[in-house]
Amino acid sequence: MAGPVKFQGPCKAPVSVRVEGTLQALAEPEKLKSQDGWVVFQNIDGLTVSGGGILMANDQ
């Protein structure tokens, strides 16, 4: 991944996100200090995250 991802509403309709493959966190998590997080879902009603993918965070 190139950097953090933010999905931000307001959104009242159902939203589906399908992850197929691997989303890997940045190797240097200190670059995220000014962000809310690595993958952020905010103000979304009816969110569904599915798929056979992996969200791979660092061991730190």
Protein backbone atom coordinates (compact mmCIF):
# COMPACT_ATOMS: atom_id res chain seq x y z
CA MET A 1 0.00 0.00 0.00
CA ALA A 2 1.22 3.47 -0.76
CA GLY A 3 -0.22 5.04 2.38
CA PRO A 4 -3.24 5.23 4.68
CA VAL A 5 -6.77 4.77 3.33
CA LYS A 6 -9.81 6.58 4.69
CA PHE A 7 -13.40 5.77 3.74
CA GLN A 8 -15.45 8.62 5.15
CA GLY A 9 -19.18 9.34 5.12
CA PRO A 10 -21.72 10.42 5.94
CA CYS A 11 -23.20 7.49 4.08
CA LYS A 12 -26.65 6.13 4.90
CA ALA A 13 -26.89 3.51 2.13
CA PRO A 14 -25.28 0.09 2.65
CA VAL A 15 -21.61 0.00 1.64
CA SER A 16 -19.66 -3.16 0.82
CA VAL A 17 -15.89 -3.42 0.63
CA ARG A 18 -14.40 -6.65 -0.67
CA VAL A 19 -10.75 -7.41 0.03
CA GLU A 20 -9.13 -9.92 -2.32
CA GLY A 21 -5.38 -10.13 -1.83
CA THR A 22 -3.15 -8.67 0.85
CA LEU A 23 -3.16 -5.11 2.15
CA GLN A 24 0.12 -4.64 3.98
CA ALA A 25 0.80 -1.82 6.42
CA LEU A 26 3.63 0.58 5.88
CA ALA A 27 7.02 -0.68 7.04
CA GLU A 28 7.47 2.62 8.91
CA PRO A 29 4.38 3.07 11.11
CA GLU A 30 5.70 6.37 12.47
CA LYS A 31 4.63 7.91 9.15
CA LEU A 32 1.02 7.41 10.28
CA LYS A 33 1.26 9.49 13.46
CA SER A 34 -0.60 12.40 11.87
CA GLN A 35 -3.33 10.07 10.54
CA ASP A 36 -6.33 8.46 12.28
CA GLY A 37 -5.00 5.02 11.39
CA TRP A 38 -3.87 2.72 8.64
CA VAL A 39 -7.29 1.76 7.26
CA VAL A 40 -10.15 3.92 8.58
CA PHE A 41 -13.91 3.58 8.07
CA GLN A 42 -15.72 6.60 9.49
CA ASN A 43 -19.40 7.63 9.59
CA ILE A 44 -20.59 4.79 7.32
CA ASP A 45 -23.88 3.08 8.22
CA GLY A 46 -24.37 -0.51 7.07
CA LEU A 47 -20.71 -1.27 6.35
CA THR A 48 -19.79 -4.81 5.28
CA VAL A 49 -16.18 -5.90 4.79
CA SER A 50 -15.80 -9.29 3.13
CA GLY A 51 -13.54 -11.39 0.93
CA GLY A 52 -10.69 -13.78 1.34
CA GLY A 53 -8.06 -11.08 1.64
CA ILE A 54 -5.73 -10.22 4.48
CA LEU A 55 -5.05 -6.97 6.32
CA MET A 56 -1.45 -7.45 7.40
CA ALA A 57 -0.21 -5.10 10.11
CA ASN A 58 3.36 -4.82 11.29
CA ASP A 59 4.53 -6.84 14.28
CA GLN A 60 5.27 -3.66 16.22
